[in-house]
């Protein structure tokens, strides 16, 4: 998993970027993003109206929850949307004008209705990056447009809540308040317990690591007891500081390449798209072990291959 799987993704992305231009790749990802978002709402509708057995092929334990004005859903596609959502919200210019506003609304609504803090944070990161890159006039227009977009999202979520038997309608502010509480609490009691146990194990191993396949005192996953949601900390726990630094080398190289491109004013919107998604999934990986799953390792390998080719083309 840690060697063969990343190599397969590396081979895949290398072939894709050799045969296709980055704008073609992003156009395909745009379609996947739209389909991924729509699949969330279709999943909710089918689950609520027909039952979990009709969506069981999409995830082992399908679930949709409405409670106290909030909504949550469990789907594999939410992980990939962390990268894609951040990228497109950070650089909406990559979306065709006729599709731009609808996709932004759908992306934001999908993040809010997912109930997943990592996806909500990803959407916030993308919006912040886009806002930071704007001129003063563009920021004023953005502020005015945001009121319109938020209103549409509110209407959309209200319609979505009508599918539920819960008498309390979905409240955007309640969702955001719950998200902030989770952030303040360090991700919840379970993650706090994991953190304490992992740190104890790191200290006991003298920061040299205990090896792969070993669990700390607190076990989060009974099937795979060595897996923890706090991936950064668990990596130090398993391989020590030296191993963590080795794993971090590709991340550092990607960051340095982007910084050099920006310093030389050779960066473009596609660089920002890939880098924004990369930063977002790295942050989200400390709330869920995304990078330990073949399904999600593409989000780590793709930026490494892309920026290696950018380095060869522009900086070498």
C-alpha atoms as a PDB file:
ATOM      1  CA  UNK A   1       0.000   0.000   0.000  1.00  0.00           C
ATOM      2  CA  UNK A   2       2.746   2.476   0.910  1.00  0.00           C
ATOM      3  CA  UNK A   3       5.007   1.621  -2.073  1.00  0.00           C
ATOM      4  CA  UNK A   4       3.064  -0.081  -4.866  1.00  0.00           C
ATOM      5  CA  UNK A   5      -0.038   2.110  -4.641  1.00  0.00           C
ATOM      6  CA  UNK A   6       1.762   5.497  -4.938  1.00  0.00           C
ATOM      7  CA  UNK A   7       3.902   4.085  -7.782  1.00  0.00           C
ATOM      8  CA  UNK A   8       0.766   3.087  -9.685  1.00  0.00           C
ATOM      9  CA  UNK A   9      -0.675   6.564  -9.264  1.00  0.00           C
ATOM     10  CA  UNK A  10       2.671   8.077 -10.281  1.00  0.00           C
ATOM     11  CA  UNK A  11       2.698   6.017 -13.467  1.00  0.00           C
ATOM     12  CA  UNK A  12      -0.925   6.990 -14.170  1.00  0.00           C
ATOM     13  CA  UNK A  13      -0.471  10.741 -13.714  1.00  0.00           C
ATOM     14  CA  UNK A  14       2.812  10.755 -15.597  1.00  0.00           C
ATOM     15  CA  UNK A  15       1.108   9.159 -18.611  1.00  0.00           C
ATOM     16  CA  UNK A  16      -1.898  11.464 -18.369  1.00  0.00           C
ATOM     17  CA  UNK A  17       0.232  14.633 -18.206  1.00  0.00           C
ATOM     18  CA  UNK A  18       2.459  13.391 -21.027  1.00  0.00           C
ATOM     19  CA  UNK A  19      -0.494  12.803 -23.337  1.00  0.00           C
ATOM     20  CA  UNK A  20      -2.730  15.707 -22.260  1.00  0.00           C
ATOM     21  CA  UNK A  21      -2.365  19.400 -21.490  1.00  0.00           C
ATOM     22  CA  UNK A  22      -3.207  20.504 -17.974  1.00  0.00           C
ATOM     23  CA  UNK A  23      -6.269  22.447 -19.183  1.00  0.00           C
ATOM     24  CA  UNK A  24      -7.679  19.199 -20.615  1.00  0.00           C
ATOM     25  CA  UNK A  25      -7.073  17.400 -17.322  1.00  0.00           C
ATOM     26  CA  UNK A  26      -8.781  20.197 -15.373  1.00  0.00           C
ATOM     27  CA  UNK A  27     -11.747  20.142 -17.757  1.00  0.00           C
ATOM     28  CA  UNK A  28     -12.210  16.434 -17.056  1.00  0.00           C
ATOM     29  CA  UNK A  29     -11.850  17.036 -13.309  1.00  0.00           C
ATOM     30  CA  UNK A  30     -14.500  19.737 -13.641  1.00  0.00           C
ATOM     31  CA  UNK A  31     -16.981  17.190 -14.971  1.00  0.00           C
ATOM     32  CA  UNK A  32     -16.074  14.724 -12.215  1.00  0.00           C
ATOM     33  CA  UNK A  33     -16.530  17.468  -9.620  1.00  0.00           C
ATOM     34  CA  UNK A  34     -20.022  18.295 -10.856  1.00  0.00           C
ATOM     35  CA  UNK A  35     -20.998  14.616 -10.956  1.00  0.00           C
ATOM     36  CA  UNK A  36     -19.527  14.072  -7.480  1.00  0.00           C
ATOM     37  CA  UNK A  37     -21.573  16.929  -6.028  1.00  0.00           C
ATOM     38  CA  UNK A  38     -24.762  15.780  -7.733  1.00  0.00           C
ATOM     39  CA  UNK A  39     -24.163  12.237  -6.479  1.00  0.00           C
ATOM     40  CA  UNK A  40     -24.308  13.543  -2.892  1.00  0.00           C
ATOM     41  CA  UNK A  41     -27.791  14.974  -3.330  1.00  0.00           C
ATOM     42  CA  UNK A  42     -28.993  11.934  -5.287  1.00  0.00           C
ATOM     43  CA  UNK A  43     -27.556   9.712  -2.534  1.00  0.00           C
ATOM     44  CA  UNK A  44     -29.488  11.663   0.101  1.00  0.00           C
ATOM     45  CA  UNK A  45     -32.734  11.507  -1.854  1.00  0.00           C
ATOM     46  CA  UNK A  46     -32.498   7.761  -2.537  1.00  0.00           C
ATOM     47  CA  UNK A  47     -31.419   6.972   1.056  1.00  0.00           C
ATOM     48  CA  UNK A  48     -34.265   8.955   2.608  1.00  0.00           C
ATOM     49  CA  UNK A  49     -36.988   7.787   0.244  1.00  0.00           C
ATOM     50  CA  UNK A  50     -35.977   4.202  -0.540  1.00  0.00           C
ATOM     51  CA  UNK A  51     -33.574   3.086   2.199  1.00  0.00           C
ATOM     52  CA  UNK A  52     -29.905   2.293   2.693  1.00  0.00           C
ATOM     53  CA  UNK A  53     -29.997  -0.947   0.685  1.00  0.00           C
ATOM     54  CA  UNK A  54     -30.310   1.046  -2.546  1.00  0.00           C
ATOM     55  CA  UNK A  55     -27.053   2.955  -1.958  1.00  0.00           C
ATOM     56  CA  UNK A  56     -25.061   0.230  -0.219  1.00  0.00           C
ATOM     57  CA  UNK A  57     -22.796  -0.247  -3.250  1.00  0.00           C
ATOM     58  CA  UNK A  58     -21.412   3.285  -2.775  1.00  0.00           C
ATOM     59  CA  UNK A  59     -20.200   2.810   0.813  1.00  0.00           C
ATOM     60  CA  UNK A  60     -20.119  -0.007   3.365  1.00  0.00           C
ATOM     61  CA  UNK A  61     -22.268   1.746   5.965  1.00  0.00           C
ATOM     62  CA  UNK A  62     -24.412   4.370   4.186  1.00  0.00           C
ATOM     63  CA  UNK A  63     -25.977   6.983   6.400  1.00  0.00           C
ATOM     64  CA  UNK A  64     -27.756  10.331   6.116  1.00  0.00           C
ATOM     65  CA  UNK A  65     -28.499  12.230   9.297  1.00  0.00           C
ATOM     66  CA  UNK A  66     -30.699  15.266   9.954  1.00  0.00           C
ATOM     67  CA  UNK A  67     -30.522  16.710  13.461  1.00  0.00           C
ATOM     68  CA  UNK A  68     -30.964  20.135  15.069  1.00  0.00           C
ATOM     69  CA  UNK A  69     -30.820  22.023  11.791  1.00  0.00           C
ATOM     70  CA  UNK A  70     -27.717  20.141  10.622  1.00  0.00           C
ATOM     71  CA  UNK A  71     -27.220  17.423   8.028  1.00  0.00           C
ATOM     72  CA  UNK A  72     -24.519  14.832   7.488  1.00  0.00           C
ATOM     73  CA  UNK A  73     -23.763  12.119   4.952  1.00  0.00           C
ATOM     74  CA  UNK A  74     -21.161   9.335   4.681  1.00  0.00           C
ATOM     75  CA  UNK A  75     -19.728   8.871   1.165  1.00  0.00           C
ATOM     76  CA  UNK A  76     -16.305   8.075  -0.302  1.00  0.00           C
ATOM     77  CA  UNK A  77     -16.607  10.885  -2.844  1.00  0.00           C
ATOM     78  CA  UNK A  78     -16.343  13.513  -0.093  1.00  0.00           C
ATOM     79  CA  UNK A  79     -12.597  12.849   0.225  1.00  0.00           C
ATOM     80  CA  UNK A  80     -11.831  13.686  -3.417  1.00  0.00           C
ATOM     81  CA  UNK A  81     -14.033  16.783  -3.226  1.00  0.00           C
ATOM     82  CA  UNK A  82     -11.646  18.221  -0.620  1.00  0.00           C
ATOM     83  CA  UNK A  83      -8.992  18.618  -3.317  1.00  0.00           C
ATOM     84  CA  UNK A  84     -11.306  19.434  -6.228  1.00  0.00           C
ATOM     85  CA  UNK A  85     -13.562  21.799  -4.293  1.00  0.00           C
ATOM     86  CA  UNK A  86     -10.655  23.808  -2.937  1.00  0.00           C
ATOM     87  CA  UNK A  87      -9.047  24.042  -6.367  1.00  0.00           C
ATOM     88  CA  UNK A  88     -12.113  25.282  -8.226  1.00  0.00           C
ATOM     89  CA  UNK A  89     -13.219  27.662  -5.467  1.00  0.00           C
ATOM     90  CA  UNK A  90      -9.675  29.074  -5.342  1.00  0.00           C
ATOM     91  CA  UNK A  91      -9.544  29.602  -9.118  1.00  0.00           C
ATOM     92  CA  UNK A  92     -13.142  29.862 -10.401  1.00  0.00           C
ATOM     93  CA  UNK A  93     -11.787  31.408 -13.631  1.00  0.00           C
ATOM     94  CA  UNK A  94     -10.984  27.855 -14.741  1.00  0.00           C
ATOM     95  CA  UNK A  95     -14.734  27.218 -14.945  1.00  0.00           C
ATOM     96  CA  UNK A  96     -16.673  28.356 -18.010  1.00  0.00           C
ATOM     97  CA  UNK A  97     -18.739  31.493 -17.381  1.00  0.00           C
ATOM     98  CA  UNK A  98     -22.076  29.739 -17.898  1.00  0.00           C
ATOM     99  CA  UNK A  99     -21.132  27.010 -15.426  1.00  0.00           C
ATOM    100  CA  UNK A 100     -19.135  29.070 -12.910  1.00  0.00           C
ATOM    101  CA  UNK A 101     -21.862  30.328 -10.565  1.00  0.00           C
ATOM    102  CA  UNK A 102     -23.909  27.078 -10.607  1.00  0.00           C
ATOM    103  CA  UNK A 103     -20.817  24.981  -9.835  1.00  0.00           C
ATOM    104  CA  UNK A 104     -19.713  27.326  -7.028  1.00  0.00           C
ATOM    105  CA  UNK A 105     -23.199  27.109  -5.495  1.00  0.00           C
ATOM    106  CA  UNK A 106     -23.312  23.319  -5.852  1.00  0.00           C
ATOM    107  CA  UNK A 107     -19.799  22.923  -4.420  1.00  0.00           C
ATOM    108  CA  UNK A 108     -20.551  25.117  -1.411  1.00  0.00           C
ATOM    109  CA  UNK A 109     -23.931  23.486  -0.819  1.00  0.00           C
ATOM    110  CA  UNK A 110     -22.324  20.028  -1.052  1.00  0.00           C
ATOM    111  CA  UNK A 111     -19.699  20.997   1.526  1.00  0.00           C
ATOM    112  CA  UNK A 112     -22.298  22.379   3.946  1.00  0.00           C
ATOM    113  CA  UNK A 113     -24.732  19.492   3.496  1.00  0.00           C
ATOM    114  CA  UNK A 114     -21.995  16.851   3.840  1.00  0.00           C
ATOM    115  CA  UNK A 115     -21.588  17.583   7.533  1.00  0.00           C
ATOM    116  CA  UNK A 116     -17.848  16.906   7.154  1.00  0.00           C
ATOM    117  CA  UNK A 117     -15.647  19.526   8.805  1.00  0.00           C
ATOM    118  CA  UNK A 118     -12.715  18.753   6.475  1.00  0.00           C
ATOM    119  CA  UNK A 119     -14.816  19.517   3.390  1.00  0.00           C
ATOM    120  CA  UNK A 120     -16.253  22.693   4.912  1.00  0.00           C
ATOM    121  CA  UNK A 121     -12.712  23.795   5.801  1.00  0.00           C
ATOM    122  CA  UNK A 122     -11.590  22.986   2.250  1.00  0.00           C
ATOM    123  CA  UNK A 123     -14.336  25.179   0.805  1.00  0.00           C
ATOM    124  CA  UNK A 124     -13.288  27.989   3.156  1.00  0.00           C
ATOM    125  CA  UNK A 125      -9.639  27.650   2.092  1.00  0.00           C
ATOM    126  CA  UNK A 126     -10.595  27.831  -1.576  1.00  0.00           C
ATOM    127  CA  UNK A 127     -12.789  30.901  -1.095  1.00  0.00           C
ATOM    128  CA  UNK A 128     -10.069  32.611   0.980  1.00  0.00           C
ATOM    129  CA  UNK A 129      -7.386  31.992  -1.674  1.00  0.00           C
ATOM    130  CA  UNK A 130      -9.666  33.352  -4.382  1.00  0.00           C
ATOM    131  CA  UNK A 131     -10.473  36.441  -2.299  1.00  0.00           C
ATOM    132  CA  UNK A 132      -6.795  37.073  -1.510  1.00  0.00           C
ATOM    133  CA  UNK A 133      -5.900  37.094  -5.220  1.00  0.00           C
ATOM    134  CA  UNK A 134      -8.554  39.698  -6.114  1.00  0.00           C
ATOM    135  CA  UNK A 135      -8.092  43.402  -6.701  1.00  0.00           C
ATOM    136  CA  UNK A 136      -9.935  45.895  -4.476  1.00  0.00           C
ATOM    137  CA  UNK A 137     -12.739  46.331  -7.016  1.00  0.00           C
ATOM    138  CA  UNK A 138     -13.070  42.587  -7.473  1.00  0.00           C
ATOM    139  CA  UNK A 139     -13.281  42.126  -3.698  1.00  0.00           C
ATOM    140  CA  UNK A 140     -16.187  44.592  -3.541  1.00  0.00           C
ATOM    141  CA  UNK A 141     -17.985  42.722  -6.318  1.00  0.00           C
ATOM    142  CA  UNK A 142     -17.255  39.441  -4.562  1.00  0.00           C
ATOM    143  CA  UNK A 143     -18.817  40.707  -1.329  1.00  0.00           C
ATOM    144  CA  UNK A 144     -21.991  41.748  -3.153  1.00  0.00           C
ATOM    145  CA  UNK A 145     -22.161  38.511  -5.128  1.00  0.00           C
ATOM    146  CA  UNK A 146     -21.656  36.460  -1.975  1.00  0.00           C
ATOM    147  CA  UNK A 147     -24.962  37.727  -0.562  1.00  0.00           C
ATOM    148  CA  UNK A 148     -26.748  36.448  -3.662  1.00  0.00           C
ATOM    149  CA  UNK A 149     -24.936  33.098  -3.607  1.00  0.00           C
ATOM    150  CA  UNK A 150     -25.549  32.565   0.125  1.00  0.00           C
ATOM    151  CA  UNK A 151     -29.248  33.299  -0.397  1.00  0.00           C
ATOM    152  CA  UNK A 152     -29.453  30.688  -3.160  1.00  0.00           C
ATOM    153  CA  UNK A 153     -27.606  28.137  -1.017  1.00  0.00           C
ATOM    154  CA  UNK A 154     -30.009  28.813   1.864  1.00  0.00           C
ATOM    155  CA  UNK A 155     -32.999  28.229  -0.432  1.00  0.00           C
ATOM    156  CA  UNK A 156     -31.388  25.055  -1.803  1.00  0.00           C
ATOM    157  CA  UNK A 157     -30.750  23.616   1.661  1.00  0.00           C
ATOM    158  CA  UNK A 158     -34.281  24.493   2.764  1.00  0.00           C
ATOM    159  CA  UNK A 159     -35.653  22.521  -0.182  1.00  0.00           C
ATOM    160  CA  UNK A 160     -33.265  19.673   0.682  1.00  0.00           C
ATOM    161  CA  UNK A 161     -34.491  19.594   4.285  1.00  0.00           C
ATOM    162  CA  UNK A 162     -38.051  19.024   3.042  1.00  0.00           C
ATOM    163  CA  UNK A 163     -37.022  15.456   2.185  1.00  0.00           C
ATOM    164  CA  UNK A 164     -36.402  14.791   5.868  1.00  0.00           C
ATOM    165  CA  UNK A 165     -38.919  13.941   8.571  1.00  0.00           C
ATOM    166  CA  UNK A 166     -37.049  16.332  10.896  1.00  0.00           C
ATOM    167  CA  UNK A 167     -39.259  19.342  11.593  1.00  0.00           C
ATOM    168  CA  UNK A 168     -36.235  21.624  11.987  1.00  0.00           C
ATOM    169  CA  UNK A 169     -35.088  23.048   8.615  1.00  0.00           C
ATOM    170  CA  UNK A 170     -31.420  23.017   7.685  1.00  0.00           C
ATOM    171  CA  UNK A 171     -29.708  26.100   9.105  1.00  0.00           C
ATOM    172  CA  UNK A 172     -26.460  27.275   7.460  1.00  0.00           C
ATOM    173  CA  UNK A 173     -25.439  29.168  10.584  1.00  0.00           C
ATOM    174  CA  UNK A 174     -26.030  26.098  12.754  1.00  0.00           C
ATOM    175  CA  UNK A 175     -23.822  24.049  10.419  1.00  0.00           C
ATOM    176  CA  UNK A 176     -21.026  26.643  10.563  1.00  0.00           C
ATOM    177  CA  UNK A 177     -21.346  26.946  14.354  1.00  0.00           C
ATOM    178  CA  UNK A 178     -21.012  23.182  14.720  1.00  0.00           C
ATOM    179  CA  UNK A 179     -17.964  23.286  12.426  1.00  0.00           C
ATOM    180  CA  UNK A 180     -16.305  25.990  14.536  1.00  0.00           C
ATOM    181  CA  UNK A 181     -17.004  24.041  17.732  1.00  0.00           C
ATOM    182  CA  UNK A 182     -15.297  20.961  16.274  1.00  0.00           C
ATOM    183  CA  UNK A 183     -12.256  23.013  15.266  1.00  0.00           C
ATOM    184  CA  UNK A 184     -12.023  24.609  18.719  1.00  0.00           C
ATOM    185  CA  UNK A 185     -12.366  21.194  20.392  1.00  0.00           C
ATOM    186  CA  UNK A 186      -9.545  19.732  18.283  1.00  0.00           C
ATOM    187  CA  UNK A 187     -11.826  17.533  16.189  1.00  0.00           C
ATOM    188  CA  UNK A 188     -13.813  16.015  19.049  1.00  0.00           C
ATOM    189  CA  UNK A 189     -13.119  13.778  22.038  1.00  0.00           C
ATOM    190  CA  UNK A 190     -12.035  10.774  19.938  1.00  0.00           C
ATOM    191  CA  UNK A 191      -9.285  12.713  18.155  1.00  0.00           C
ATOM    192  CA  UNK A 192      -8.126  14.287  21.423  1.00  0.00           C
ATOM    193  CA  UNK A 193      -7.784  10.790  22.933  1.00  0.00           C
ATOM    194  CA  UNK A 194      -5.884   9.613  19.849  1.00  0.00           C
ATOM    195  CA  UNK A 195      -3.537  12.572  20.053  1.00  0.00           C
ATOM    196  CA  UNK A 196      -2.689  11.943  23.696  1.00  0.00           C
ATOM    197  CA  UNK A 197      -2.087   8.227  23.118  1.00  0.00           C
ATOM    198  CA  UNK A 198       0.041   8.780  19.996  1.00  0.00           C
ATOM    199  CA  UNK A 199       2.186  11.426  21.689  1.00  0.00           C
ATOM    200  CA  UNK A 200       2.808   9.067  24.604  1.00  0.00           C
ATOM    201  CA  UNK A 201       3.926   6.409  22.116  1.00  0.00           C
ATOM    202  CA  UNK A 202       6.202   8.865  20.292  1.00  0.00           C
ATOM    203  CA  UNK A 203       7.946   9.836  23.522  1.00  0.00           C
ATOM    204  CA  UNK A 204       8.300   6.193  24.617  1.00  0.00           C
ATOM    205  CA  UNK A 205       9.970   5.337  21.285  1.00  0.00           C
ATOM    206  CA  UNK A 206      12.410   8.250  21.726  1.00  0.00           C
ATOM    207  CA  UNK A 207      11.014   9.797  18.521  1.00  0.00           C
ATOM    208  CA  UNK A 208      12.421   6.878  16.483  1.00  0.00           C
ATOM    209  CA  UNK A 209       9.049   5.270  15.731  1.00  0.00           C
ATOM    210  CA  UNK A 210       7.496   1.957  16.695  1.00  0.00           C
ATOM    211  CA  UNK A 211       7.178   0.570  13.145  1.00  0.00           C
ATOM    212  CA  UNK A 212       4.272   0.078  10.740  1.00  0.00           C
ATOM    213  CA  UNK A 213       1.407  -2.145  11.827  1.00  0.00           C
ATOM    214  CA  UNK A 214       1.734  -1.229  15.512  1.00  0.00           C
ATOM    215  CA  UNK A 215      -1.090   0.492  17.386  1.00  0.00           C
ATOM    216  CA  UNK A 216      -1.033   2.899  20.307  1.00  0.00           C
ATOM    217  CA  UNK A 217      -2.963   2.228  23.508  1.00  0.00           C
ATOM    218  CA  UNK A 218      -6.058   3.855  22.024  1.00  0.00           C
ATOM    219  CA  UNK A 219      -7.365   1.873  19.024  1.00  0.00           C
ATOM    220  CA  UNK A 220      -9.623   3.740  16.594  1.00  0.00           C
ATOM    221  CA  UNK A 221     -10.095   1.068  13.901  1.00  0.00           C
ATOM    222  CA  UNK A 222     -10.584  -2.516  15.090  1.00  0.00           C
ATOM    223  CA  UNK A 223     -10.028  -3.969  11.598  1.00  0.00           C
ATOM    224  CA  UNK A 224      -6.892  -1.901  10.954  1.00  0.00           C
ATOM    225  CA  UNK A 225      -5.742  -0.955  14.484  1.00  0.00           C
ATOM    226  CA  UNK A 226      -2.652   0.900  13.207  1.00  0.00           C
ATOM    227  CA  UNK A 227      -4.814   3.447  11.351  1.00  0.00           C
ATOM    228  CA  UNK A 228      -5.541   6.782  13.004  1.00  0.00           C
ATOM    229  CA  UNK A 229      -7.356   9.876  11.822  1.00  0.00           C
ATOM    230  CA  UNK A 230      -4.477  12.110  12.952  1.00  0.00           C
ATOM    231  CA  UNK A 231      -2.242  11.024  10.081  1.00  0.00           C
ATOM    232  CA  UNK A 232       0.625  13.468  10.670  1.00  0.00           C
ATOM    233  CA  UNK A 233       0.980  12.468  14.311  1.00  0.00           C
ATOM    234  CA  UNK A 234       0.489   8.770  13.623  1.00  0.00           C
ATOM    235  CA  UNK A 235       3.224   8.939  10.960  1.00  0.00           C
ATOM    236  CA  UNK A 236       5.699  10.237  13.536  1.00  0.00           C
ATOM    237  CA  UNK A 237       4.447   7.523  15.905  1.00  0.00           C
ATOM    238  CA  UNK A 238       5.120   4.774  13.344  1.00  0.00           C
ATOM    239  CA  UNK A 239       8.315   5.920  11.592  1.00  0.00           C
ATOM    240  CA  UNK A 240       9.759   8.577  13.904  1.00  0.00           C
ATOM    241  CA  UNK A 241      10.950  12.054  13.072  1.00  0.00           C
ATOM    242  CA  UNK A 242      13.488  10.810  10.500  1.00  0.00           C
ATOM    243  CA  UNK A 243      10.869   8.773   8.638  1.00  0.00           C
ATOM    244  CA  UNK A 244       8.407  11.658   8.813  1.00  0.00           C
ATOM    245  CA  UNK A 245      10.979  13.976   7.237  1.00  0.00           C
ATOM    246  CA  UNK A 246      11.616  11.477   4.419  1.00  0.00           C
ATOM    247  CA  UNK A 247       7.876  11.239   3.750  1.00  0.00           C
ATOM    248  CA  UNK A 248       7.691  15.043   3.780  1.00  0.00           C
ATOM    249  CA  UNK A 249      10.373  15.544   1.091  1.00  0.00           C
ATOM    250  CA  UNK A 250       7.888  15.422  -1.853  1.00  0.00           C
ATOM    251  CA  UNK A 251       5.667  17.925  -0.014  1.00  0.00           C
ATOM    252  CA  UNK A 252       8.602  20.287   0.520  1.00  0.00           C
ATOM    253  CA  UNK A 253       9.677  20.001  -3.130  1.00  0.00           C
ATOM    254  CA  UNK A 254       6.160  20.802  -4.333  1.00  0.00           C
ATOM    255  CA  UNK A 255       6.040  23.839  -2.046  1.00  0.00           C
ATOM    256  CA  UNK A 256       9.478  25.091  -3.109  1.00  0.00           C
ATOM    257  CA  UNK A 257       8.640  24.701  -6.799  1.00  0.00           C
ATOM    258  CA  UNK A 258       5.432  26.708  -6.403  1.00  0.00           C
ATOM    259  CA  UNK A 259       7.214  29.413  -4.384  1.00  0.00           C
ATOM    260  CA  UNK A 260       9.920  29.725  -7.040  1.00  0.00           C
ATOM    261  CA  UNK A 261       7.351  29.914  -9.826  1.00  0.00           C
ATOM    262  CA  UNK A 262       5.527  32.652  -7.943  1.00  0.00           C
ATOM    263  CA  UNK A 263       8.760  34.514  -7.135  1.00  0.00           C
ATOM    264  CA  UNK A 264       9.744  34.506 -10.817  1.00  0.00           C
ATOM    265  CA  UNK A 265       6.161  35.406 -11.815  1.00  0.00           C
ATOM    266  CA  UNK A 266       5.896  32.265 -13.918  1.00  0.00           C
ATOM    267  CA  UNK A 267       2.984  30.744 -12.029  1.00  0.00           C
ATOM    268  CA  UNK A 268      -0.463  30.455 -13.580  1.00  0.00           C
ATOM    269  CA  UNK A 269      -4.028  29.624 -12.548  1.00  0.00           C
ATOM    270  CA  UNK A 270      -3.429  25.900 -12.978  1.00  0.00           C
ATOM    271  CA  UNK A 271      -0.498  26.056 -10.558  1.00  0.00           C
ATOM    272  CA  UNK A 272      -2.743  27.746  -7.990  1.00  0.00           C
ATOM    273  CA  UNK A 273      -5.505  25.180  -8.598  1.00  0.00           C
ATOM    274  CA  UNK A 274      -3.194  22.230  -7.967  1.00  0.00           C
ATOM    275  CA  UNK A 275      -1.389  23.866  -5.035  1.00  0.00           C
ATOM    276  CA  UNK A 276      -4.632  24.917  -3.333  1.00  0.00           C
ATOM    277  CA  UNK A 277      -6.023  21.397  -3.550  1.00  0.00           C
ATOM    278  CA  UNK A 278      -2.709  19.964  -2.339  1.00  0.00           C
ATOM    279  CA  UNK A 279      -2.586  22.196   0.741  1.00  0.00           C
ATOM    280  CA  UNK A 280      -6.205  21.419   1.530  1.00  0.00           C
ATOM    281  CA  UNK A 281      -5.823  17.630   1.390  1.00  0.00           C
ATOM    282  CA  UNK A 282      -2.633  17.805   3.461  1.00  0.00           C
ATOM    283  CA  UNK A 283      -4.526  19.665   6.182  1.00  0.00           C
ATOM    284  CA  UNK A 284      -7.523  17.342   5.886  1.00  0.00           C
ATOM    285  CA  UNK A 285      -5.253  14.300   6.155  1.00  0.00           C
ATOM    286  CA  UNK A 286      -4.720  15.215   9.787  1.00  0.00           C
ATOM    287  CA  UNK A 287      -8.421  14.599  10.396  1.00  0.00           C
ATOM    288  CA  UNK A 288      -8.697  11.392   8.381  1.00  0.00           C
ATOM    289  CA  UNK A 289      -6.150   8.897   6.989  1.00  0.00           C
ATOM    290  CA  UNK A 290      -6.926   9.796   3.365  1.00  0.00           C
ATOM    291  CA  UNK A 291      -3.351   9.264   2.170  1.00  0.00           C
ATOM    292  CA  UNK A 292      -3.349   5.691   3.460  1.00  0.00           C
ATOM    293  CA  UNK A 293      -6.108   4.742   1.023  1.00  0.00           C
ATOM    294  CA  UNK A 294      -5.535   3.941  -2.663  1.00  0.00           C
ATOM    295  CA  UNK A 295      -8.746   5.813  -3.548  1.00  0.00           C
ATOM    296  CA  UNK A 296      -7.364   9.106  -2.259  1.00  0.00           C
ATOM    297  CA  UNK A 297      -3.617   8.884  -2.872  1.00  0.00           C
ATOM    298  CA  UNK A 298      -4.126  10.459  -6.298  1.00  0.00           C
ATOM    299  CA  UNK A 299      -4.521  13.815  -4.524  1.00  0.00           C
ATOM    300  CA  UNK A 300      -1.009  13.533  -3.123  1.00  0.00           C
ATOM    301  CA  UNK A 301       0.732  12.072  -6.182  1.00  0.00           C
ATOM    302  CA  UNK A 302      -0.889  14.317  -8.816  1.00  0.00           C
ATOM    303  CA  UNK A 303       0.641  17.587  -7.478  1.00  0.00           C
ATOM    304  CA  UNK A 304       4.060  15.911  -7.114  1.00  0.00           C
ATOM    305  CA  UNK A 305       4.087  14.763 -10.750  1.00  0.00           C
ATOM    306  CA  UNK A 306       2.576  18.024 -12.012  1.00  0.00           C
ATOM    307  CA  UNK A 307       5.071  20.305 -10.254  1.00  0.00           C
ATOM    308  CA  UNK A 308       7.992  18.068 -11.205  1.00  0.00           C
ATOM    309  CA  UNK A 309       7.052  18.638 -14.839  1.00  0.00           C
ATOM    310  CA  UNK A 310       6.594  22.377 -14.161  1.00  0.00           C
ATOM    311  CA  UNK A 311      10.087  22.439 -12.608  1.00  0.00           C
ATOM    312  CA  UNK A 312      11.584  20.813 -15.699  1.00  0.00           C
ATOM    313  CA  UNK A 313       9.704  23.153 -18.017  1.00  0.00           C
ATOM    314  CA  UNK A 314      10.234  26.489 -16.264  1.00  0.00           C
ATOM    315  CA  UNK A 315      12.906  26.334 -13.568  1.00  0.00           C
ATOM    316  CA  UNK A 316      15.516  23.813 -14.606  1.00  0.00           C
END
